[in-house]
Amino acid sequence: MTERLVLVGNGMAGVRTLEELLKLAPEKYAVTVFGDEPYANYNRILLSPVLAGDKTIDEICLNGRDWYENNGIELRTGTAVAEIDRGGRRIIAADGTTADYDRLILATGSRPVRLPIPGADLPGVVTFRDIADVEAMTEASAKHDRAVVIGGGLLGLEAAHGLRERGMEVTVVHIADHLMERQLDAPAGRMLQQSMAERGIRFELPATTEAILGEEAATGIRLNDGRELDAGLVVMAAGIRPNTGLAESSGIYCERGILVGDTMQTFDPRIWAVGECVQHRGATYGLVAPLFDQAKVAANHLAEAGTARYEGSVTSTKLKVSGIDLFSAGDFHGGADSEAMVLADAAGGVYKKLVIEENRIAGAVLFGDTIDGSWYFQLMRDGTDISELRDQLLFGQAHLGDAGHGEGNRVAAMADDVEICGCNGVSKADIVQAIGDKGLFTLEDVRAHTKASSSCGSCTGLVESLLASTVGEGYETTPAKKALCGCTEYSHDEVRAAIRDHALKSIPEVMHFLEWGSEDGCNKCRPALNYYLLCAWPGEYADDPASRFVNERAHANIQKDGTYSVVPRIWGGVTSPAQLRAIAEVAEKYEVPTVKFTGGQRVDLLGVAKENLPQVWADLAAHGFVSGHAYGKAVRTVKTCVGQEWCRFGVQDSTSLGIELEHMAWGAWTPHKVKLAVSGCPRNCAESTVKDVGVVAVESGWEIHVAGNGGTKVRACDFLTRVDTADQVKEHTAAFLQLYREQAHYLERTAHWVERVGLAPIRERVVDDGDARAALAERFWYAQSFAQVDPWRQHAESADQRPYIPLKEVAG
């Protein structure tokens, strides 16, 4: 029997709960929605552009009435709810209509604060919370020349900007000594004030409004120092409070907000609450991302999946006030035990402040250039030791070699056809259109709908800037906890810990133990689980080919014409006439159209038909070749220079060491592809300092560098250590690779992993702690005893060749 679900509140959090619920259990409930306003669901965050005349109400609509109709939802707009009859499980509206429920969601949002001062109820005094307020201000702007905005927070400044855009003379009155004191410190607040003053807005601060002047309508305000300001419109933007009136009158326990537990249930087990009206673990939230997290959890329990918990949100705030970029997170004021790193360029309109405690970021505030806000937030949230980054930290991620972040701060000024995501060919216009059409609010949403920033991630900062400039206030760039995929609430680290701590040794076991949301998983979680299990239990877990990407299943890279490329391993890039003859014979025998030397010192046979793969592999294996793993998330090449043996500058035998390293590491499955190099002298002809592991010979031994990247996202290596012997190089390399294998998230390159966790803890285990290094290396070599089996020979010798036999065409 279909149950009855009533939603009180037609705003963003409540309707998002319904959207999530429809994904999980579309037939479970007959849904009725009550909304005070006479509109369908709209984006409240975009009221400011509507006030400024940049958007229309239709353009900020998230779900039109047809969406409710198409999903069988009864929508009652313009209908305030007066009472909840909890005993009778019935909603009673102000117009006398009723609705019975089995489950109830309260999403009553918040109310604007009206200051208790004389004249506060006069016509011409408005708040800034909904479309009616915007319409009142728009109408007033046509009749009056002057406006006063009480409140120098985000809403007040947006209102001031919008009214100024409509031609009014606007004065902002603020009680604190600088603007937005909850998000900005004093220097940033003053820079914001100066920028807005240059746009024609006046300020009175610190100042307190004593009274609204006027008899029949507002004519101005009087400050507490006796001065009077003329104004035909007074906007009160003095904050918001959770709207708990209906809940309190119905006997639902409230404090500052409606109290809910981790399942978003109130003290009444039939009633859930989400959004700004909620108080969870003592906190209330006004940003979009936490509210959407709450919606997802509430929907999970309303669908009786029972697997999700809301554990609160660590939020950062990335805002755009009147076209000015701001970012803040954490404790940006600091305390006695903290230090501040500050970059202030008043002429350039840039201010950055990082608060550091024990070599970790405790807070950040950015003005003007906010492109690195999400990076700082990630470092702060992960507790990353930034001691190795101090020299470049304030200058941003771009100065660590991240080519994708340099000009992102000016993304709003870019032409629409500028390509933002080079990996997936996504333009600025594509992203902006998706944000508007699909109602996207988070980076994950944009990735899901456009694929932008979903590959190498170097354009993440640009995409976030587009979100900020398009959506405006209140989106969160990075969720407090990122689930492995949509099938589970657990993060990569939590899944790996469960596999290890509970001895889970198959994909079905993991899914059952962690109560996976889908029976078979998806294309994100299955490859990740397969890798995590392979890494945790190298001697026990049986690799699941069905959980691998197509190239890894085929052991060759599929090309755009449907043929494959075959890359045999060339140890250290050193070959022989016999090997070259063997490759040439294979190429001629199977009519390979293109034979090419790769940048990794190997020979690529391009254009091999799928049905010929086993024979090609067998012929290559007969001449001693093994797979080069050019198709896999695995150790690929070890590039070398000729080193001491032939080069007059070489100081060590780099070629021999490179070959030894490749023999040690080949076949290892890793979270992402891994490339190594060994250079025979500091001239670095093997380009070692842009490899995942790069070894550079010096007169006294070897330098080891790690976490470089020479692809789309160019990043120079970090120096790890210097050692004396080749055996020490091999031990350190094995330990580093094993730590990467054990800690990195699936599809995370070494560069991203090191930036996420910091180099210091890696160096501590791989360099400083000899016992830890030996244990890591031992685990790597143990895993290699199972991994170093040539898949080409296995498949070539297999009796089952069906995967390579083309399907017969069926006539007609």
Foldseek 3Di string as FASTA:
>chain_A
DAFEEEEEAQEDLRVLLVVLLCVQCLRRHQYEYEEQAQAHYFQQLCLLCVLLVNDPRVLRHQDHPVNCVVSNYHYDYNWAWDAQPPVQQKTATPVGDIDHGQFYEYAPAWAFDQDPAAPSPAAQEEERGDPVRSVSLSVLLVVWAEEEEEAQAQRSLSNQLSSVSSRHQYEYAYQAAFGNVVFDPRVQRVLVVVVVVVVRYHYDPNWAWRYFDDDRHGQWTAIPVGDTDGDRHYYYRHDIFQDCVRVVVHPFDDDSAQEAEFLQATPPNRYGYFYQRYAYPNDGDHFDPLRSLNSNSNSCVVSPLPQGTHPDWQFKWWFARSNKTKIKGADQVDDPQWDKDWDDDSVLFWIKIFIDHPQATGMIIITRQCLQVVLNVLRRLLVARCPVPVVCVVVHPVVQQFVLRDPLSCLVVDDQQCQLAPVQRHGNVNQLVCCSVNVDQELVSSCVVPVGCVAPNSSLSNSVSSNCVRSGTRGGHDTSADPQDPFAPHHLVVLLCCCQVVVQQDPQSSCVVSVTNDNPDDLRVLLQVLLSNCLRCVPPHDRDLVNDDPCVVLLFDQDPVRATKFWWADQQLDDDPVLVVLVVVLCVVQVQPDWDQDLQNTIIRPDGALLCLLVSLVSNVVVPTFGQSPRAQFEHHEHEDCAPVPDPQFQDRQSVLSNVLCVQGPLGHALGYFYAYEYRAVVCPRVRQQGQWYWHDYNQFIWIWHQHHDPPTGGTTHTQGTDRDSVLVNLLVQLLRLVRRSPPRRSQGSNNVCSSRPNVVVSCQSPVDPVSSNVSSVSSNVSVVSRPDGVSNVQSPDPDSVVRDDDDDDDD
